[in-house]
Amino acid sequence: MIYFTGDTHFGDPRVLRLDKRPFANIVEHDEVLIRNWNQTVGTDDEVWHLGDFISASGGGCPELLARLNGRKHLIVGNNDPTTTTNAPGWESVQHYAELRHDGHHLILCHYAFRTWNQMSKKSINLHGHSHGKLKPLPRQYDVGVDGQELRPVTLEVLLKKKRVVAGGGDMHE
């Protein structure tokens, strides 16, 4: 199974205030996100984290990666220091990726795009950065934890959510 997530901001107490995440402190926040991740993702699953993983002051990135299930890929975000990008435990680290999954061409970046590769051929843009506050374009999804019940999500779940929000119609066409 392949999962997508982003904007976990482990170790960064600013997210409690800025994003109104419902935790008393950053330790509680981090433990809930770790628990949610591991309840969702199996050890053999793949996870694409679309940026802003852990702050420089958040502690040891390798230790955190070791606590999280799955094979992890990082799409670098604006709050990912070299202690994150250079940490052992990532399968890959890049600023942008394209992949085929479940018959879809996916465009992965921390940032949402106005246009993206093969957009006219129904490719899908997955992003983070906006913390669920940006109105998406058709075939564009914010995979950050703020809009995904504080856990990684599959492409299938994202596509189903969009159809439900659209009143049962398919907004992808």
C-alpha atoms as a PDB file:
ATOM      1  CA  MET A   1       0.000   0.000   0.000  1.00  0.00           C
ATOM      2  CA  ILE A   2       1.188   3.543  -0.730  1.00  0.00           C
ATOM      3  CA  TYR A   3       0.326   6.427   1.594  1.00  0.00           C
ATOM      4  CA  PHE A   4       0.791  10.189   1.347  1.00  0.00           C
ATOM      5  CA  THR A   5       1.154  12.755   4.103  1.00  0.00           C
ATOM      6  CA  GLY A   6       2.833  16.051   4.887  1.00  0.00           C
ATOM      7  CA  ASP A   7       3.177  18.956   7.283  1.00  0.00           C
ATOM      8  CA  THR A   8       3.616  16.818  10.383  1.00  0.00           C
ATOM      9  CA  HIS A   9       5.941  19.475  11.848  1.00  0.00           C
ATOM     10  CA  PHE A  10       7.169  17.101  14.540  1.00  0.00           C
ATOM     11  CA  GLY A  11       8.868  18.980  17.374  1.00  0.00           C
ATOM     12  CA  ASP A  12       7.544  22.398  16.292  1.00  0.00           C
ATOM     13  CA  PRO A  13       5.231  23.933  18.914  1.00  0.00           C
ATOM     14  CA  ARG A  14       4.196  26.711  16.512  1.00  0.00           C
ATOM     15  CA  VAL A  15       1.736  24.322  14.784  1.00  0.00           C
ATOM     16  CA  LEU A  16      -0.292  24.068  17.975  1.00  0.00           C
ATOM     17  CA  ARG A  17      -1.050  27.787  17.773  1.00  0.00           C
ATOM     18  CA  LEU A  18      -0.928  28.503  14.039  1.00  0.00           C
ATOM     19  CA  ASP A  19      -2.926  25.472  12.926  1.00  0.00           C
ATOM     20  CA  LYS A  20      -4.975  25.136  16.101  1.00  0.00           C
ATOM     21  CA  ARG A  21      -4.006  21.494  16.519  1.00  0.00           C
ATOM     22  CA  PRO A  22      -5.842  20.153  19.582  1.00  0.00           C
ATOM     23  CA  PHE A  23      -2.952  19.261  21.883  1.00  0.00           C
ATOM     24  CA  ALA A  24      -1.746  20.599  25.220  1.00  0.00           C
ATOM     25  CA  ASN A  25       1.910  20.475  24.153  1.00  0.00           C
ATOM     26  CA  ILE A  26       4.183  19.344  21.340  1.00  0.00           C
ATOM     27  CA  VAL A  27       5.112  16.061  23.055  1.00  0.00           C
ATOM     28  CA  GLU A  28       1.436  15.021  23.106  1.00  0.00           C
ATOM     29  CA  HIS A  29       1.089  16.198  19.479  1.00  0.00           C
ATOM     30  CA  ASP A  30       4.064  14.157  18.317  1.00  0.00           C
ATOM     31  CA  GLU A  31       2.989  11.005  20.156  1.00  0.00           C
ATOM     32  CA  VAL A  32      -0.535  11.143  18.678  1.00  0.00           C
ATOM     33  CA  LEU A  33       0.828  11.679  15.154  1.00  0.00           C
ATOM     34  CA  ILE A  34       3.258   8.765  15.606  1.00  0.00           C
ATOM     35  CA  ARG A  35       0.452   6.535  16.915  1.00  0.00           C
ATOM     36  CA  ASN A  36      -1.889   7.548  14.055  1.00  0.00           C
ATOM     37  CA  TRP A  37       0.872   6.906  11.490  1.00  0.00           C
ATOM     38  CA  ASN A  38       1.648   3.457  12.875  1.00  0.00           C
ATOM     39  CA  GLN A  39      -2.033   2.500  13.160  1.00  0.00           C
ATOM     40  CA  THR A  40      -2.460   3.408   9.476  1.00  0.00           C
ATOM     41  CA  VAL A  41       0.823   2.360   7.852  1.00  0.00           C
ATOM     42  CA  GLY A  42       2.214  -1.169   7.944  1.00  0.00           C
ATOM     43  CA  THR A  43       5.895  -2.021   8.064  1.00  0.00           C
ATOM     44  CA  ASP A  44       5.944  -3.020   4.378  1.00  0.00           C
ATOM     45  CA  ASP A  45       3.967  -0.004   3.151  1.00  0.00           C
ATOM     46  CA  GLU A  46       5.437   2.996   1.369  1.00  0.00           C
ATOM     47  CA  VAL A  47       4.918   6.581   2.581  1.00  0.00           C
ATOM     48  CA  TRP A  48       5.545   9.748   0.610  1.00  0.00           C
ATOM     49  CA  HIS A  49       5.920  12.649   3.051  1.00  0.00           C
ATOM     50  CA  LEU A  50       5.355  15.895   1.159  1.00  0.00           C
ATOM     51  CA  GLY A  51       7.461  18.174   3.301  1.00  0.00           C
ATOM     52  CA  ASP A  52       7.815  19.839   6.696  1.00  0.00           C
ATOM     53  CA  PHE A  53       8.597  16.645   8.572  1.00  0.00           C
ATOM     54  CA  ILE A  54      10.461  17.723  11.742  1.00  0.00           C
ATOM     55  CA  SER A  55      11.878  21.032  12.930  1.00  0.00           C
ATOM     56  CA  ALA A  56      15.598  21.479  13.542  1.00  0.00           C
ATOM     57  CA  SER A  57      14.875  21.820  17.265  1.00  0.00           C
ATOM     58  CA  GLY A  58      12.507  18.825  17.246  1.00  0.00           C
ATOM     59  CA  GLY A  59      15.091  16.241  18.178  1.00  0.00           C
ATOM     60  CA  GLY A  60      16.675  13.403  16.274  1.00  0.00           C
ATOM     61  CA  CYS A  61      15.240  12.772  12.848  1.00  0.00           C
ATOM     62  CA  PRO A  62      16.808   9.293  12.490  1.00  0.00           C
ATOM     63  CA  GLU A  63      15.273   8.206  15.800  1.00  0.00           C
ATOM     64  CA  LEU A  64      11.845   9.494  14.752  1.00  0.00           C
ATOM     65  CA  LEU A  65      12.064   7.808  11.349  1.00  0.00           C
ATOM     66  CA  ALA A  66      12.915   4.525  13.103  1.00  0.00           C
ATOM     67  CA  ARG A  67       9.714   4.810  15.174  1.00  0.00           C
ATOM     68  CA  LEU A  68       7.499   5.233  12.090  1.00  0.00           C
ATOM     69  CA  ASN A  69       6.267   2.275  10.039  1.00  0.00           C
ATOM     70  CA  GLY A  70       6.939   1.923   6.333  1.00  0.00           C
ATOM     71  CA  ARG A  71       9.525   2.820   3.738  1.00  0.00           C
ATOM     72  CA  LYS A  72       9.655   6.614   3.774  1.00  0.00           C
ATOM     73  CA  HIS A  73      10.296   9.085   0.950  1.00  0.00           C
ATOM     74  CA  LEU A  74      10.685  12.817   1.561  1.00  0.00           C
ATOM     75  CA  ILE A  75       9.584  15.560  -0.790  1.00  0.00           C
ATOM     76  CA  VAL A  76      11.459  18.504   0.740  1.00  0.00           C
ATOM     77  CA  GLY A  77       9.405  21.325   2.269  1.00  0.00           C
ATOM     78  CA  ASN A  78      10.348  24.852   3.256  1.00  0.00           C
ATOM     79  CA  ASN A  79      10.771  23.784   6.907  1.00  0.00           C
ATOM     80  CA  ASP A  80      12.985  20.744   6.322  1.00  0.00           C
ATOM     81  CA  PRO A  81      16.528  21.510   7.538  1.00  0.00           C
ATOM     82  CA  THR A  82      19.586  19.538   6.452  1.00  0.00           C
ATOM     83  CA  THR A  83      19.317  17.515   9.675  1.00  0.00           C
ATOM     84  CA  THR A  84      16.093  16.157   8.135  1.00  0.00           C
ATOM     85  CA  THR A  85      17.074  15.911   4.480  1.00  0.00           C
ATOM     86  CA  ASN A  86      20.429  14.242   5.261  1.00  0.00           C
ATOM     87  CA  ALA A  87      19.085  11.882   7.929  1.00  0.00           C
ATOM     88  CA  PRO A  88      19.497   8.146   7.423  1.00  0.00           C
ATOM     89  CA  GLY A  89      16.167   6.350   7.185  1.00  0.00           C
ATOM     90  CA  TRP A  90      14.734   7.945   4.040  1.00  0.00           C
ATOM     91  CA  GLU A  91      14.383   5.727   0.960  1.00  0.00           C
ATOM     92  CA  SER A  92      14.697   8.888  -1.147  1.00  0.00           C
ATOM     93  CA  VAL A  93      14.820  12.657  -0.743  1.00  0.00           C
ATOM     94  CA  GLN A  94      13.897  15.097  -3.520  1.00  0.00           C
ATOM     95  CA  HIS A  95      12.039  18.344  -4.117  1.00  0.00           C
ATOM     96  CA  TYR A  96       9.675  16.943  -6.742  1.00  0.00           C
ATOM     97  CA  ALA A  97       8.594  13.545  -7.985  1.00  0.00           C
ATOM     98  CA  GLU A  98       6.281  12.007 -10.562  1.00  0.00           C
ATOM     99  CA  LEU A  99       4.972   8.496 -10.233  1.00  0.00           C
ATOM    100  CA  ARG A 100       2.318   6.182 -11.623  1.00  0.00           C
ATOM    101  CA  HIS A 101      -0.033   4.682  -9.054  1.00  0.00           C
ATOM    102  CA  ASP A 102      -3.366   2.901  -9.506  1.00  0.00           C
ATOM    103  CA  GLY A 103      -3.556   4.080 -13.114  1.00  0.00           C
ATOM    104  CA  HIS A 104      -2.948   7.722 -12.203  1.00  0.00           C
ATOM    105  CA  HIS A 105      -0.013   9.986 -13.019  1.00  0.00           C
ATOM    106  CA  LEU A 106       0.870  11.754  -9.759  1.00  0.00           C
ATOM    107  CA  ILE A 107       2.808  14.989  -9.439  1.00  0.00           C
ATOM    108  CA  LEU A 108       4.274  15.322  -5.924  1.00  0.00           C
ATOM    109  CA  CYS A 109       5.622  18.549  -4.469  1.00  0.00           C
ATOM    110  CA  HIS A 110       5.446  20.321  -1.118  1.00  0.00           C
ATOM    111  CA  TYR A 111       3.774  23.257  -2.856  1.00  0.00           C
ATOM    112  CA  ALA A 112       0.448  23.346  -4.682  1.00  0.00           C
ATOM    113  CA  PHE A 113       0.709  24.200  -8.367  1.00  0.00           C
ATOM    114  CA  ARG A 114      -1.522  26.302 -10.612  1.00  0.00           C
ATOM    115  CA  THR A 115      -0.517  24.057 -13.504  1.00  0.00           C
ATOM    116  CA  TRP A 116       1.461  20.837 -13.561  1.00  0.00           C
ATOM    117  CA  ASN A 117       2.873  18.251 -15.929  1.00  0.00           C
ATOM    118  CA  GLN A 118       0.246  16.346 -17.954  1.00  0.00           C
ATOM    119  CA  MET A 119      -2.555  18.349 -16.345  1.00  0.00           C
ATOM    120  CA  SER A 120      -4.537  18.167 -19.597  1.00  0.00           C
ATOM    121  CA  LYS A 121      -4.162  14.366 -19.480  1.00  0.00           C
ATOM    122  CA  LYS A 122      -5.794  14.203 -16.027  1.00  0.00           C
ATOM    123  CA  SER A 123      -2.635  13.934 -13.916  1.00  0.00           C
ATOM    124  CA  ILE A 124      -3.072  14.623 -10.192  1.00  0.00           C
ATOM    125  CA  ASN A 125      -1.144  17.133  -8.056  1.00  0.00           C
ATOM    126  CA  LEU A 126      -0.535  16.046  -4.458  1.00  0.00           C
ATOM    127  CA  HIS A 127       0.928  18.691  -2.149  1.00  0.00           C
ATOM    128  CA  GLY A 128       1.285  19.911   1.402  1.00  0.00           C
ATOM    129  CA  HIS A 129       2.251  23.375   2.682  1.00  0.00           C
ATOM    130  CA  SER A 130      -1.217  24.953   2.834  1.00  0.00           C
ATOM    131  CA  HIS A 131      -2.451  23.089   5.950  1.00  0.00           C
ATOM    132  CA  GLY A 132      -5.900  22.539   4.459  1.00  0.00           C
ATOM    133  CA  LYS A 133      -6.512  26.260   3.909  1.00  0.00           C
ATOM    134  CA  LEU A 134      -6.102  26.505   0.133  1.00  0.00           C
ATOM    135  CA  LYS A 135      -9.024  26.030  -2.229  1.00  0.00           C
ATOM    136  CA  PRO A 136      -7.858  23.216  -4.529  1.00  0.00           C
ATOM    137  CA  LEU A 137      -8.066  23.035  -8.274  1.00  0.00           C
ATOM    138  CA  PRO A 138      -9.660  19.951  -9.855  1.00  0.00           C
ATOM    139  CA  ARG A 139      -7.395  16.888  -9.464  1.00  0.00           C
ATOM    140  CA  GLN A 140      -5.369  18.631  -6.737  1.00  0.00           C
ATOM    141  CA  TYR A 141      -5.152  17.337  -3.168  1.00  0.00           C
ATOM    142  CA  ASP A 142      -3.562  18.629   0.033  1.00  0.00           C
ATOM    143  CA  VAL A 143      -2.232  15.524   1.779  1.00  0.00           C
ATOM    144  CA  GLY A 144      -1.055  17.404   4.892  1.00  0.00           C
ATOM    145  CA  VAL A 145      -2.180  16.011   8.229  1.00  0.00           C
ATOM    146  CA  ASP A 146      -4.395  19.029   8.998  1.00  0.00           C
ATOM    147  CA  GLY A 147      -6.908  17.974   6.351  1.00  0.00           C
ATOM    148  CA  GLN A 148      -6.444  14.205   6.716  1.00  0.00           C
ATOM    149  CA  GLU A 149      -7.416  13.433  10.318  1.00  0.00           C
ATOM    150  CA  LEU A 150      -3.782  13.769  11.420  1.00  0.00           C
ATOM    151  CA  ARG A 151      -2.646  10.631   9.582  1.00  0.00           C
ATOM    152  CA  PRO A 152      -1.290   9.400   6.233  1.00  0.00           C
ATOM    153  CA  VAL A 153      -3.881   8.762   3.518  1.00  0.00           C
ATOM    154  CA  THR A 154      -4.157   6.641   0.377  1.00  0.00           C
ATOM    155  CA  LEU A 155      -4.906   7.999  -3.077  1.00  0.00           C
ATOM    156  CA  GLU A 156      -8.144   5.989  -3.074  1.00  0.00           C
ATOM    157  CA  VAL A 157      -9.350   7.779   0.074  1.00  0.00           C
ATOM    158  CA  LEU A 158      -8.440  11.181  -1.387  1.00  0.00           C
ATOM    159  CA  LEU A 159     -10.358  10.486  -4.586  1.00  0.00           C
ATOM    160  CA  LYS A 160     -13.412   9.254  -2.666  1.00  0.00           C
ATOM    161  CA  LYS A 161     -13.403  12.308  -0.359  1.00  0.00           C
ATOM    162  CA  LYS A 162     -13.415  14.654  -3.348  1.00  0.00           C
ATOM    163  CA  ARG A 163     -16.417  12.867  -4.891  1.00  0.00           C
ATOM    164  CA  VAL A 164     -18.354  13.035  -1.608  1.00  0.00           C
ATOM    165  CA  VAL A 165     -17.647  16.752  -1.217  1.00  0.00           C
ATOM    166  CA  ALA A 166     -18.827  17.292  -4.775  1.00  0.00           C
ATOM    167  CA  GLY A 167     -22.174  15.722  -3.920  1.00  0.00           C
ATOM    168  CA  GLY A 168     -21.442  12.371  -5.467  1.00  0.00           C
ATOM    169  CA  GLY A 169     -20.314  13.703  -8.844  1.00  0.00           C
ATOM    170  CA  ASP A 170     -16.773  13.220 -10.042  1.00  0.00           C
ATOM    171  CA  MET A 171     -14.932  16.559  -9.936  1.00  0.00           C
ATOM    172  CA  HIS A 172     -11.958  15.019 -11.746  1.00  0.00           C
ATOM    173  CA  GLU A 173     -13.490  15.088 -15.208  1.00  0.00           C
END
